[in-house]
Amino acid sequence: EYNFSKPYSEDTAKVIDEEISNLIESQYQRAIHILEENKDKLNQLADILIEKEVIFKDDLENIFGKRPFDKNLQEETSL
């Protein structure tokens, strides 16, 4: 058996756990909000998938619009 000791106190561990829980909860609420805000678009996407079974980038752009950022530009700046 391994004996793992944390490099911080129990009080610090509690603060870390609380912060992590808060981050997870806030991002969960954000995800719910985004899904609710886009429910009509998601239903439209579901209808197209039922009809076609396969969709393409153009189909997604017709429903959701173009991405608010350029993926290629983002990849270049992260290198």
PDB file of N, CA and C in Angstrom:
ATOM      1  N   GLU A   1       0.832  -1.187   0.000  1.00  0.00           N
ATOM      2  CA  GLU A   1       0.000   0.000   0.000  1.00  0.00           C
ATOM      3  C   GLU A   1       0.872   1.244   0.000  1.00  0.00           C
ATOM      4  N   TYR A   2       0.422   2.227  -0.750  1.00  0.00           N
ATOM      5  CA  TYR A   2       1.141   3.495  -0.814  1.00  0.00           C
ATOM      6  C   TYR A   2       0.531   4.479   0.169  1.00  0.00           C
ATOM      7  N   ASN A   3       1.388   5.215   0.798  1.00  0.00           N
ATOM      8  CA  ASN A   3       0.938   6.233   1.728  1.00  0.00           C
ATOM      9  C   ASN A   3       1.129   7.587   1.053  1.00  0.00           C
ATOM     10  N   PHE A   4       0.036   8.171   0.576  1.00  0.00           N
ATOM     11  CA  PHE A   4       0.092   9.430  -0.155  1.00  0.00           C
ATOM     12  C   PHE A   4      -0.158  10.586   0.798  1.00  0.00           C
ATOM     13  N   SER A   5       0.784  11.501   0.862  1.00  0.00           N
ATOM     14  CA  SER A   5       0.563  12.685   1.690  1.00  0.00           C
ATOM     15  C   SER A   5       0.486  13.912   0.789  1.00  0.00           C
ATOM     16  N   LYS A   6      -0.470  14.750   1.070  1.00  0.00           N
ATOM     17  CA  LYS A   6      -0.670  15.961   0.280  1.00  0.00           C
ATOM     18  C   LYS A   6       0.340  17.018   0.717  1.00  0.00           C
ATOM     19  N   PRO A   7       0.789  17.822  -0.223  1.00  0.00           N
ATOM     20  CA  PRO A   7       1.742  18.882   0.129  1.00  0.00           C
ATOM     21  C   PRO A   7       1.048  20.134   0.689  1.00  0.00           C
ATOM     22  N   TYR A   8      -0.186  19.956   1.200  1.00  0.00           N
ATOM     23  CA  TYR A   8      -0.932  21.079   1.768  1.00  0.00           C
ATOM     24  C   TYR A   8      -1.814  20.568   2.904  1.00  0.00           C
ATOM     25  N   SER A   9      -2.311  21.498   3.693  1.00  0.00           N
ATOM     26  CA  SER A   9      -3.079  21.145   4.890  1.00  0.00           C
ATOM     27  C   SER A   9      -4.493  20.678   4.542  1.00  0.00           C
ATOM     28  N   GLU A  10      -5.149  20.121   5.525  1.00  0.00           N
ATOM     29  CA  GLU A  10      -6.535  19.672   5.370  1.00  0.00           C
ATOM     30  C   GLU A  10      -7.451  20.869   5.089  1.00  0.00           C
ATOM     31  N   ASP A  11      -7.177  21.996   5.727  1.00  0.00           N
ATOM     32  CA  ASP A  11      -7.969  23.208   5.474  1.00  0.00           C
ATOM     33  C   ASP A  11      -7.813  23.671   4.026  1.00  0.00           C
ATOM     34  N   THR A  12      -6.602  23.630   3.534  1.00  0.00           N
ATOM     35  CA  THR A  12      -6.358  23.997   2.136  1.00  0.00           C
ATOM     36  C   THR A  12      -7.062  23.016   1.203  1.00  0.00           C
ATOM     37  N   ALA A  13      -7.055  21.744   1.547  1.00  0.00           N
ATOM     38  CA  ALA A  13      -7.743  20.730   0.744  1.00  0.00           C
ATOM     39  C   ALA A  13      -9.238  21.031   0.673  1.00  0.00           C
ATOM     40  N   LYS A  14      -9.821  21.475   1.782  1.00  0.00           N
ATOM     41  CA  LYS A  14     -11.249  21.823   1.796  1.00  0.00           C
ATOM     42  C   LYS A  14     -11.523  23.019   0.890  1.00  0.00           C
ATOM     43  N   VAL A  15     -10.649  24.018   0.940  1.00  0.00           N
ATOM     44  CA  VAL A  15     -10.812  25.198   0.084  1.00  0.00           C
ATOM     45  C   VAL A  15     -10.716  24.792  -1.384  1.00  0.00           C
ATOM     46  N   ILE A  16      -9.750  23.950  -1.703  1.00  0.00           N
ATOM     47  CA  ILE A  16      -9.590  23.466  -3.082  1.00  0.00           C
ATOM     48  C   ILE A  16     -10.837  22.710  -3.522  1.00  0.00           C
ATOM     49  N   ASP A  17     -11.337  21.812  -2.676  1.00  0.00           N
ATOM     50  CA  ASP A  17     -12.546  21.046  -2.996  1.00  0.00           C
ATOM     51  C   ASP A  17     -13.745  21.965  -3.226  1.00  0.00           C
ATOM     52  N   GLU A  18     -13.893  22.986  -2.389  1.00  0.00           N
ATOM     53  CA  GLU A  18     -15.003  23.931  -2.549  1.00  0.00           C
ATOM     54  C   GLU A  18     -14.885  24.704  -3.855  1.00  0.00           C
ATOM     55  N   GLU A  19     -13.686  25.151  -4.178  1.00  0.00           N
ATOM     56  CA  GLU A  19     -13.477  25.891  -5.426  1.00  0.00           C
ATOM     57  C   GLU A  19     -13.775  25.015  -6.638  1.00  0.00           C
ATOM     58  N   ILE A  20     -13.327  23.781  -6.591  1.00  0.00           N
ATOM     59  CA  ILE A  20     -13.594  22.851  -7.692  1.00  0.00           C
ATOM     60  C   ILE A  20     -15.089  22.618  -7.825  1.00  0.00           C
ATOM     61  N   SER A  21     -15.764  22.404  -6.708  1.00  0.00           N
ATOM     62  CA  SER A  21     -17.218  22.207  -6.733  1.00  0.00           C
ATOM     63  C   SER A  21     -17.922  23.428  -7.310  1.00  0.00           C
ATOM     64  N   ASN A  22     -17.486  24.620  -6.916  1.00  0.00           N
ATOM     65  CA  ASN A  22     -18.088  25.850  -7.441  1.00  0.00           C
ATOM     66  C   ASN A  22     -17.865  25.984  -8.942  1.00  0.00           C
ATOM     67  N   LEU A  23     -16.658  25.668  -9.402  1.00  0.00           N
ATOM     68  CA  LEU A  23     -16.372  25.723 -10.838  1.00  0.00           C
ATOM     69  C   LEU A  23     -17.248  24.746 -11.619  1.00  0.00           C
ATOM     70  N   ILE A  24     -17.344  23.537 -11.113  1.00  0.00           N
ATOM     71  CA  ILE A  24     -18.155  22.519 -11.790  1.00  0.00           C
ATOM     72  C   ILE A  24     -19.613  22.946 -11.836  1.00  0.00           C
ATOM     73  N   GLU A  25     -20.138  23.430 -10.730  1.00  0.00           N
ATOM     74  CA  GLU A  25     -21.541  23.851 -10.675  1.00  0.00           C
ATOM     75  C   GLU A  25     -21.798  25.034 -11.602  1.00  0.00           C
ATOM     76  N   SER A  26     -20.908  26.013 -11.606  1.00  0.00           N
ATOM     77  CA  SER A  26     -21.131  27.183 -12.462  1.00  0.00           C
ATOM     78  C   SER A  26     -21.076  26.801 -13.940  1.00  0.00           C
ATOM     79  N   GLN A  27     -20.182  25.903 -14.312  1.00  0.00           N
ATOM     80  CA  GLN A  27     -20.094  25.483 -15.709  1.00  0.00           C
ATOM     81  C   GLN A  27     -21.263  24.581 -16.103  1.00  0.00           C
ATOM     82  N   TYR A  28     -21.758  23.812 -15.149  1.00  0.00           N
ATOM     83  CA  TYR A  28     -22.962  23.007 -15.398  1.00  0.00           C
ATOM     84  C   TYR A  28     -24.142  23.938 -15.679  1.00  0.00           C
ATOM     85  N   GLN A  29     -24.301  24.972 -14.855  1.00  0.00           N
ATOM     86  CA  GLN A  29     -25.389  25.931 -15.050  1.00  0.00           C
ATOM     87  C   GLN A  29     -25.232  26.665 -16.380  1.00  0.00           C
ATOM     88  N   ARG A  30     -24.003  26.984 -16.742  1.00  0.00           N
ATOM     89  CA  ARG A  30     -23.733  27.639 -18.028  1.00  0.00           C
ATOM     90  C   ARG A  30     -24.145  26.729 -19.184  1.00  0.00           C
ATOM     91  N   ALA A  31     -23.805  25.447 -19.084  1.00  0.00           N
ATOM     92  CA  ALA A  31     -24.162  24.486 -20.138  1.00  0.00           C
ATOM     93  C   ALA A  31     -25.679  24.371 -20.271  1.00  0.00           C
ATOM     94  N   ILE A  32     -26.379  24.294 -19.135  1.00  0.00           N
ATOM     95  CA  ILE A  32     -27.845  24.221 -19.158  1.00  0.00           C
ATOM     96  C   ILE A  32     -28.416  25.462 -19.840  1.00  0.00           C
ATOM     97  N   HIS A  33     -27.887  26.622 -19.494  1.00  0.00           N
ATOM     98  CA  HIS A  33     -28.353  27.882 -20.089  1.00  0.00           C
ATOM     99  C   HIS A  33     -28.138  27.879 -21.608  1.00  0.00           C
ATOM    100  N   ILE A  34     -26.971  27.450 -22.050  1.00  0.00           N
ATOM    101  CA  ILE A  34     -26.672  27.412 -23.487  1.00  0.00           C
ATOM    102  C   ILE A  34     -27.617  26.451 -24.206  1.00  0.00           C
ATOM    103  N   LEU A  35     -27.866  25.294 -23.611  1.00  0.00           N
ATOM    104  CA  LEU A  35     -28.783  24.328 -24.225  1.00  0.00           C
ATOM    105  C   LEU A  35     -30.200  24.887 -24.302  1.00  0.00           C
ATOM    106  N   GLU A  36     -30.661  25.517 -23.216  1.00  0.00           N
ATOM    107  CA  GLU A  36     -32.005  26.097 -23.210  1.00  0.00           C
ATOM    108  C   GLU A  36     -32.111  27.241 -24.217  1.00  0.00           C
ATOM    109  N   GLU A  37     -31.073  28.053 -24.295  1.00  0.00           N
ATOM    110  CA  GLU A  37     -31.050  29.188 -25.211  1.00  0.00           C
ATOM    111  C   GLU A  37     -31.091  28.733 -26.672  1.00  0.00           C
ATOM    112  N   ASN A  38     -30.557  27.566 -26.950  1.00  0.00           N
ATOM    113  CA  ASN A  38     -30.475  27.050 -28.321  1.00  0.00           C
ATOM    114  C   ASN A  38     -31.406  25.873 -28.576  1.00  0.00           C
ATOM    115  N   LYS A  39     -32.429  25.726 -27.743  1.00  0.00           N
ATOM    116  CA  LYS A  39     -33.326  24.572 -27.856  1.00  0.00           C
ATOM    117  C   LYS A  39     -33.963  24.474 -29.245  1.00  0.00           C
ATOM    118  N   ASP A  40     -34.423  25.602 -29.789  1.00  0.00           N
ATOM    119  CA  ASP A  40     -35.044  25.573 -31.121  1.00  0.00           C
ATOM    120  C   ASP A  40     -34.061  25.087 -32.182  1.00  0.00           C
ATOM    121  N   LYS A  41     -32.831  25.576 -32.104  1.00  0.00           N
ATOM    122  CA  LYS A  41     -31.811  25.164 -33.066  1.00  0.00           C
ATOM    123  C   LYS A  41     -31.473  23.683 -32.906  1.00  0.00           C
ATOM    124  N   LEU A  42     -31.417  23.218 -31.664  1.00  0.00           N
ATOM    125  CA  LEU A  42     -31.124  21.801 -31.422  1.00  0.00           C
ATOM    126  C   LEU A  42     -32.253  20.913 -31.939  1.00  0.00           C
ATOM    127  N   ASN A  43     -33.495  21.363 -31.776  1.00  0.00           N
ATOM    128  CA  ASN A  43     -34.629  20.609 -32.319  1.00  0.00           C
ATOM    129  C   ASN A  43     -34.583  20.576 -33.841  1.00  0.00           C
ATOM    130  N   GLN A  44     -34.208  21.702 -34.435  1.00  0.00           N
ATOM    131  CA  GLN A  44     -34.056  21.755 -35.892  1.00  0.00           C
ATOM    132  C   GLN A  44     -32.969  20.783 -36.349  1.00  0.00           C
ATOM    133  N   LEU A  45     -31.869  20.744 -35.629  1.00  0.00           N
ATOM    134  CA  LEU A  45     -30.782  19.812 -35.935  1.00  0.00           C
ATOM    135  C   LEU A  45     -31.262  18.367 -35.816  1.00  0.00           C
ATOM    136  N   ALA A  46     -32.013  18.072 -34.772  1.00  0.00           N
ATOM    137  CA  ALA A  46     -32.539  16.714 -34.581  1.00  0.00           C
ATOM    138  C   ALA A  46     -33.451  16.320 -35.737  1.00  0.00           C
ATOM    139  N   ASP A  47     -34.295  17.249 -36.184  1.00  0.00           N
ATOM    140  CA  ASP A  47     -35.192  16.954 -37.310  1.00  0.00           C
ATOM    141  C   ASP A  47     -34.398  16.645 -38.579  1.00  0.00           C
ATOM    142  N   ILE A  48     -33.349  17.410 -38.828  1.00  0.00           N
ATOM    143  CA  ILE A  48     -32.518  17.167 -40.014  1.00  0.00           C
ATOM    144  C   ILE A  48     -31.820  15.815 -39.902  1.00  0.00           C
ATOM    145  N   LEU A  49     -31.332  15.488 -38.714  1.00  0.00           N
ATOM    146  CA  LEU A  49     -30.667  14.193 -38.524  1.00  0.00           C
ATOM    147  C   LEU A  49     -31.636  13.034 -38.735  1.00  0.00           C
ATOM    148  N   ILE A  50     -32.867  13.188 -38.284  1.00  0.00           N
ATOM    149  CA  ILE A  50     -33.869  12.135 -38.497  1.00  0.00           C
ATOM    150  C   ILE A  50     -34.137  11.975 -39.987  1.00  0.00           C
ATOM    151  N   GLU A  51     -34.204  13.086 -40.687  1.00  0.00           N
ATOM    152  CA  GLU A  51     -34.492  13.062 -42.120  1.00  0.00           C
ATOM    153  C   GLU A  51     -33.310  12.544 -42.935  1.00  0.00           C
ATOM    154  N   LYS A  52     -32.114  13.060 -42.672  1.00  0.00           N
ATOM    155  CA  LYS A  52     -30.954  12.755 -43.511  1.00  0.00           C
ATOM    156  C   LYS A  52     -30.032  11.686 -42.935  1.00  0.00           C
ATOM    157  N   GLU A  53     -29.982  11.566 -41.629  1.00  0.00           N
ATOM    158  CA  GLU A  53     -29.077  10.693 -40.887  1.00  0.00           C
ATOM    159  C   GLU A  53     -27.628  11.173 -40.913  1.00  0.00           C
ATOM    160  N   VAL A  54     -27.267  11.963 -41.899  1.00  0.00           N
ATOM    161  CA  VAL A  54     -25.906  12.496 -41.997  1.00  0.00           C
ATOM    162  C   VAL A  54     -26.022  13.992 -42.265  1.00  0.00           C
ATOM    163  N   ILE A  55     -25.211  14.770 -41.555  1.00  0.00           N
ATOM    164  CA  ILE A  55     -25.203  16.208 -41.808  1.00  0.00           C
ATOM    165  C   ILE A  55     -23.767  16.660 -42.066  1.00  0.00           C
ATOM    166  N   PHE A  56     -23.662  17.819 -42.640  1.00  0.00           N
ATOM    167  CA  PHE A  56     -22.357  18.369 -42.975  1.00  0.00           C
ATOM    168  C   PHE A  56     -22.189  19.739 -42.332  1.00  0.00           C
ATOM    169  N   LYS A  57     -20.991  20.259 -42.447  1.00  0.00           N
ATOM    170  CA  LYS A  57     -20.661  21.561 -41.864  1.00  0.00           C
ATOM    171  C   LYS A  57     -21.651  22.635 -42.314  1.00  0.00           C
ATOM    172  N   ASP A  58     -22.001  22.625 -43.589  1.00  0.00           N
ATOM    173  CA  ASP A  58     -22.939  23.629 -44.111  1.00  0.00           C
ATOM    174  C   ASP A  58     -24.286  23.555 -43.411  1.00  0.00           C
ATOM    175  N   ASP A  59     -24.745  22.334 -43.123  1.00  0.00           N
ATOM    176  CA  ASP A  59     -26.011  22.171 -42.407  1.00  0.00           C
ATOM    177  C   ASP A  59     -25.930  22.816 -41.025  1.00  0.00           C
ATOM    178  N   LEU A  60     -24.821  22.576 -40.336  1.00  0.00           N
ATOM    179  CA  LEU A  60     -24.645  23.157 -39.001  1.00  0.00           C
ATOM    180  C   LEU A  60     -24.557  24.679 -39.072  1.00  0.00           C
ATOM    181  N   GLU A  61     -23.849  25.192 -40.071  1.00  0.00           N
ATOM    182  CA  GLU A  61     -23.735  26.643 -40.209  1.00  0.00           C
ATOM    183  C   GLU A  61     -25.070  27.279 -40.551  1.00  0.00           C
ATOM    184  N   ASN A  62     -25.919  26.579 -41.307  1.00  0.00           N
ATOM    185  CA  ASN A  62     -27.248  27.102 -41.616  1.00  0.00           C
ATOM    186  C   ASN A  62     -28.102  27.213 -40.359  1.00  0.00           C
ATOM    187  N   ILE A  63     -27.918  26.303 -39.430  1.00  0.00           N
ATOM    188  CA  ILE A  63     -28.711  26.305 -38.198  1.00  0.00           C
ATOM    189  C   ILE A  63     -28.114  27.245 -37.152  1.00  0.00           C
ATOM    190  N   PHE A  64     -26.836  27.079 -36.870  1.00  0.00           N
ATOM    191  CA  PHE A  64     -26.199  27.787 -35.757  1.00  0.00           C
ATOM    192  C   PHE A  64     -25.432  29.038 -36.179  1.00  0.00           C
ATOM    193  N   GLY A  65     -25.186  29.188 -37.480  1.00  0.00           N
ATOM    194  CA  GLY A  65     -24.370  30.300 -37.942  1.00  0.00           C
ATOM    195  C   GLY A  65     -22.904  29.904 -37.914  1.00  0.00           C
ATOM    196  N   LYS A  66     -22.096  30.778 -38.453  1.00  0.00           N
ATOM    197  CA  LYS A  66     -20.656  30.507 -38.467  1.00  0.00           C
ATOM    198  C   LYS A  66     -20.099  30.603 -37.062  1.00  0.00           C
ATOM    199  N   ARG A  67     -18.984  29.928 -36.840  1.00  0.00           N
ATOM    200  CA  ARG A  67     -18.311  29.996 -35.535  1.00  0.00           C
ATOM    201  C   ARG A  67     -17.940  31.441 -35.224  1.00  0.00           C
ATOM    202  N   PRO A  68     -18.005  31.807 -33.962  1.00  0.00           N
ATOM    203  CA  PRO A  68     -17.649  33.185 -33.607  1.00  0.00           C
ATOM    204  C   PRO A  68     -16.144  33.438 -33.665  1.00  0.00           C
ATOM    205  N   PHE A  69     -15.361  32.401 -33.946  1.00  0.00           N
ATOM    206  CA  PHE A  69     -13.915  32.548 -34.069  1.00  0.00           C
ATOM    207  C   PHE A  69     -13.445  31.666 -35.209  1.00  0.00           C
ATOM    208  N   ASP A  70     -12.291  31.971 -35.728  1.00  0.00           N
ATOM    209  CA  ASP A  70     -11.714  31.202 -36.826  1.00  0.00           C
ATOM    210  C   ASP A  70     -10.836  30.106 -36.243  1.00  0.00           C
ATOM    211  N   LYS A  71     -11.233  28.864 -36.431  1.00  0.00           N
ATOM    212  CA  LYS A  71     -10.512  27.724 -35.859  1.00  0.00           C
ATOM    213  C   LYS A  71      -9.057  27.690 -36.325  1.00  0.00           C
ATOM    214  N   ASN A  72      -8.826  27.906 -37.611  1.00  0.00           N
ATOM    215  CA  ASN A  72      -7.456  27.865 -38.136  1.00  0.00           C
ATOM    216  C   ASN A  72      -6.592  28.957 -37.523  1.00  0.00           C
ATOM    217  N   LEU A  73      -7.153  30.141 -37.361  1.00  0.00           N
ATOM    218  CA  LEU A  73      -6.409  31.239 -36.753  1.00  0.00           C
ATOM    219  C   LEU A  73      -6.069  30.904 -35.309  1.00  0.00           C
ATOM    220  N   GLN A  74      -7.016  30.310 -34.595  1.00  0.00           N
ATOM    221  CA  GLN A  74      -6.783  29.936 -33.200  1.00  0.00           C
ATOM    222  C   GLN A  74      -5.672  28.889 -33.103  1.00  0.00           C
ATOM    223  N   GLU A  75      -5.663  27.907 -33.992  1.00  0.00           N
ATOM    224  CA  GLU A  75      -4.629  26.875 -33.980  1.00  0.00           C
ATOM    225  C   GLU A  75      -3.257  27.482 -34.260  1.00  0.00           C
ATOM    226  N   GLU A  76      -3.187  28.431 -35.196  1.00  0.00           N
ATOM    227  CA  GLU A  76      -1.912  29.063 -35.533  1.00  0.00           C
ATOM    228  C   GLU A  76      -1.361  29.864 -34.363  1.00  0.00           C
ATOM    229  N   THR A  77      -2.222  30.554 -33.640  1.00  0.00           N
ATOM    230  CA  THR A  77      -1.753  31.385 -32.531  1.00  0.00           C
ATOM    231  C   THR A  77      -1.367  30.556 -31.324  1.00  0.00           C
ATOM    232  N   SER A  78      -1.843  29.322 -31.241  1.00  0.00           N
ATOM    233  CA  SER A  78      -1.498  28.481 -30.095  1.00  0.00           C
ATOM    234  C   SER A  78      -0.178  27.740 -30.302  1.00  0.00           C
ATOM    235  N   LEU A  79       0.388  27.807 -31.510  1.00  0.00           N
ATOM    236  CA  LEU A  79       1.659  27.122 -31.783  1.00  0.00           C
ATOM    237  C   LEU A  79       2.828  27.879 -31.292  1.00  0.00           C
TER     238      LEU A  79
END
